[in-house]
Amino acid sequence: MSLTPLLAAPVVIQIHAFSAIAATGLGAVVLFARKGTPMHKLMGRVWVLLMLTVATSALFINEIRMIGPFSPIHLFVFVTYGGIGYGLWQIRRGDIARHRAAMQSVYFQALMLTGAFTLLPGRRMHDVLFGPDGGWAPALVVIGLSLTVTMLIYRRLIRGWPRA
């Protein structure tokens, strides 16, 4: 493992990656910590700012161009903006269940799912974790394990959601 590929990247990629890493860690704490406390609210606000930084910085990363300057992964920017907006709207309305559902969805879709894509060979985070010659095998193992764990945790968390 070496941070060299990330530290040699353009500043916008560094901002994006370090914000995503921080949001992943903090988001996990917020997901599993006691809810409704002043600390939960503070950590939640910081997490929202980190997620908005991740999403906004993604708009300026255009290394994979498929649709003009964008690629299909840029759709997660709108998933993030929409999910965060909806989650904040629901908590303002007092609908805690829908707030929780929205924020959990953003965490798992915009961080965990898209994070798995960054581990594919040829991507910067693949080089950080496995080196430029790491190949497909370790990437597929880690991607498979991370998506499986993510799905299991997500399914466990959503059991309590209201069915609207």
Protein backbone atom coordinates (compact mmCIF):
# COMPACT_ATOMS: atom_id res chain seq x y z
CA MET A 1 0.00 0.00 0.00
CA SER A 2 1.26 3.44 -0.94
CA LEU A 3 -0.37 6.87 -0.86
CA THR A 4 1.99 8.07 -3.60
CA PRO A 5 -0.57 7.69 -6.45
CA LEU A 6 -3.10 9.72 -4.47
CA LEU A 7 -0.63 12.39 -3.34
CA ALA A 8 0.56 12.79 -6.94
CA ALA A 9 -3.01 13.29 -8.18
CA PRO A 10 -4.57 16.69 -8.93
CA VAL A 11 -5.83 18.58 -5.86
CA VAL A 12 -9.49 18.01 -6.72
CA ILE A 13 -8.92 14.23 -6.65
CA GLN A 14 -7.14 14.50 -3.31
CA ILE A 15 -10.00 16.55 -1.86
CA HIS A 16 -12.50 14.05 -3.25
CA ALA A 17 -10.66 10.96 -1.97
CA PHE A 18 -9.81 12.24 1.49
CA SER A 19 -13.34 13.60 1.97
CA ALA A 20 -14.78 10.23 0.89
CA ILE A 21 -12.48 8.35 3.26
CA ALA A 22 -13.43 10.66 6.14
CA ALA A 23 -17.14 10.42 5.26
CA THR A 24 -16.93 6.62 5.18
CA GLY A 25 -15.40 6.45 8.65
CA LEU A 26 -17.58 9.13 10.22
CA GLY A 27 -20.68 7.77 8.51
CA ALA A 28 -20.10 4.34 10.04
CA VAL A 29 -19.87 5.94 13.49
CA VAL A 30 -23.07 7.94 12.91
CA LEU A 31 -24.91 4.85 11.60
CA PHE A 32 -24.16 2.78 14.68
CA ALA A 33 -24.00 5.40 17.45
CA ARG A 34 -26.91 6.44 19.61
CA LYS A 35 -29.33 8.64 17.69
CA GLY A 36 -30.78 12.03 18.55
CA THR A 37 -27.98 13.14 20.85
CA PRO A 38 -26.14 16.44 20.38
CA MET A 39 -23.07 14.41 19.30
CA HIS A 40 -25.14 12.54 16.68
CA LYS A 41 -26.42 15.84 15.32
CA LEU A 42 -22.93 17.36 15.20
CA MET A 43 -21.39 14.31 13.54
CA GLY A 44 -24.33 14.17 11.13
CA ARG A 45 -23.79 17.78 10.09
CA VAL A 46 -20.07 17.17 9.53
CA TRP A 47 -20.92 14.03 7.53
CA VAL A 48 -23.36 15.98 5.35
CA LEU A 49 -20.67 18.60 4.64
CA LEU A 50 -18.18 15.85 3.78
CA MET A 51 -20.69 14.19 1.45
CA LEU A 52 -21.46 17.47 -0.29
CA THR A 53 -17.71 17.96 -0.73
CA VAL A 54 -17.36 14.46 -2.17
CA ALA A 55 -20.26 14.96 -4.59
CA THR A 56 -19.28 18.46 -5.69
CA SER A 57 -15.62 17.60 -6.19
CA ALA A 58 -16.69 14.59 -8.29
CA LEU A 59 -18.14 16.99 -10.86
CA PHE A 60 -14.63 18.29 -11.51
CA ILE A 61 -13.07 14.85 -11.97
CA ASN A 62 -13.43 14.02 -15.63
CA GLU A 63 -10.76 11.45 -16.38
CA ILE A 64 -13.26 8.89 -17.69
CA ARG A 65 -15.29 10.68 -20.37
CA MET A 66 -18.28 8.87 -21.82
CA ILE A 67 -21.03 11.48 -21.94
CA GLY A 68 -19.29 14.77 -22.65
CA PRO A 69 -16.96 15.33 -19.70
CA PHE A 70 -18.86 12.84 -17.51
CA SER A 71 -19.20 9.11 -16.96
CA PRO A 72 -22.13 7.08 -15.59
CA ILE A 73 -20.62 7.18 -12.09
CA HIS A 74 -21.35 10.93 -12.05
CA LEU A 75 -25.04 9.99 -11.65
CA PHE A 76 -24.19 9.30 -7.99
CA VAL A 77 -23.63 13.05 -7.57
CA PHE A 78 -27.36 13.52 -8.07
CA VAL A 79 -28.13 10.50 -5.86
CA THR A 80 -26.06 12.17 -3.14
CA TYR A 81 -27.59 15.64 -3.54
CA GLY A 82 -31.11 14.22 -3.73
CA GLY A 83 -30.66 11.80 -0.84
CA ILE A 84 -29.08 14.40 1.43
CA GLY A 85 -31.76 16.94 0.55
CA TYR A 86 -34.55 14.44 1.14
CA GLY A 87 -33.01 13.26 4.42
CA LEU A 88 -32.68 16.82 5.72
CA TRP A 89 -36.23 17.62 4.62
CA GLN A 90 -37.56 14.56 6.45
CA ILE A 91 -35.78 15.34 9.72
CA ARG A 92 -37.11 18.92 9.56
CA ARG A 93 -40.59 17.42 9.19
CA GLY A 94 -39.92 15.14 12.16
CA ASP A 95 -40.05 11.93 10.13
CA ILE A 96 -37.12 10.13 11.73
CA ALA A 97 -37.71 6.83 9.92
CA ARG A 98 -37.53 8.39 6.47
CA HIS A 99 -34.55 10.54 7.50
CA ARG A 100 -32.74 7.42 8.65
CA ALA A 101 -33.63 5.56 5.45
CA ALA A 102 -32.43 8.41 3.23
CA MET A 103 -29.13 8.87 5.04
CA GLN A 104 -28.43 5.14 5.14
CA SER A 105 -29.18 4.91 1.42
CA VAL A 106 -26.77 7.74 0.65
CA TYR A 107 -24.10 6.12 2.78
CA PHE A 108 -24.39 2.73 1.12
CA GLN A 109 -25.05 3.86 -2.45
CA ALA A 110 -22.87 6.95 -2.75
CA LEU A 111 -19.96 5.77 -0.61
CA MET A 112 -19.83 2.00 -0.41
CA LEU A 113 -21.08 1.09 -3.89
CA THR A 114 -19.16 3.78 -5.74
CA GLY A 115 -16.14 3.14 -3.52
CA ALA A 116 -16.05 -0.42 -4.84
CA PHE A 117 -15.67 0.94 -8.39
CA THR A 118 -12.55 2.85 -7.35
CA LEU A 119 -10.80 -0.45 -6.64
CA LEU A 120 -10.89 -1.63 -10.25
CA PRO A 121 -7.52 -1.92 -12.02
CA GLY A 122 -6.49 1.31 -13.70
CA ARG A 123 -8.12 3.45 -11.01
CA ARG A 124 -6.07 5.47 -8.54
CA MET A 125 -7.35 3.77 -5.37
CA HIS A 126 -6.50 0.38 -6.88
CA ASP A 127 -2.93 1.62 -7.24
CA VAL A 128 -2.96 2.94 -3.66
CA LEU A 129 -4.10 -0.39 -2.19
CA PHE A 130 -2.59 -2.97 -4.54
CA GLY A 131 0.09 -1.13 -6.51
CA PRO A 132 0.09 -0.47 -10.26
CA ASP A 133 0.80 -4.14 -10.97
CA GLY A 134 -1.78 -5.50 -8.53
CA GLY A 135 -4.02 -6.94 -11.24
CA TRP A 136 -7.60 -8.09 -11.10
CA ALA A 137 -7.47 -10.90 -8.53
CA PRO A 138 -6.95 -8.90 -5.32
CA ALA A 139 -9.28 -6.16 -6.54
CA LEU A 140 -12.11 -8.59 -7.26
CA VAL A 141 -11.67 -10.31 -3.89
CA VAL A 142 -11.78 -7.03 -1.97
CA ILE A 143 -14.65 -5.66 -4.08
CA GLY A 144 -16.64 -8.86 -3.61
CA LEU A 145 -16.05 -8.94 0.13
CA SER A 146 -16.82 -5.25 0.61
CA LEU A 147 -20.04 -5.42 -1.42
CA THR A 148 -21.15 -8.57 0.43
CA VAL A 149 -20.51 -7.01 3.85
CA THR A 150 -22.17 -3.78 2.71
CA MET A 151 -25.26 -5.66 1.52
CA LEU A 152 -25.53 -7.66 4.75
CA ILE A 153 -25.25 -4.55 6.94
CA TYR A 154 -27.66 -2.61 4.72
CA ARG A 155 -30.25 -5.40 4.82
CA ARG A 156 -29.93 -5.63 8.59
CA LEU A 157 -30.38 -1.86 9.02
CA ILE A 158 -33.42 -1.57 6.74
CA ARG A 159 -35.47 -4.24 8.52
CA GLY A 160 -36.93 -1.55 10.77
CA TRP A 161 -37.94 0.84 7.96
CA PRO A 162 -41.59 1.62 7.52
CA ARG A 163 -43.07 0.25 4.32
CA ALA A 164 -44.66 3.31 2.72
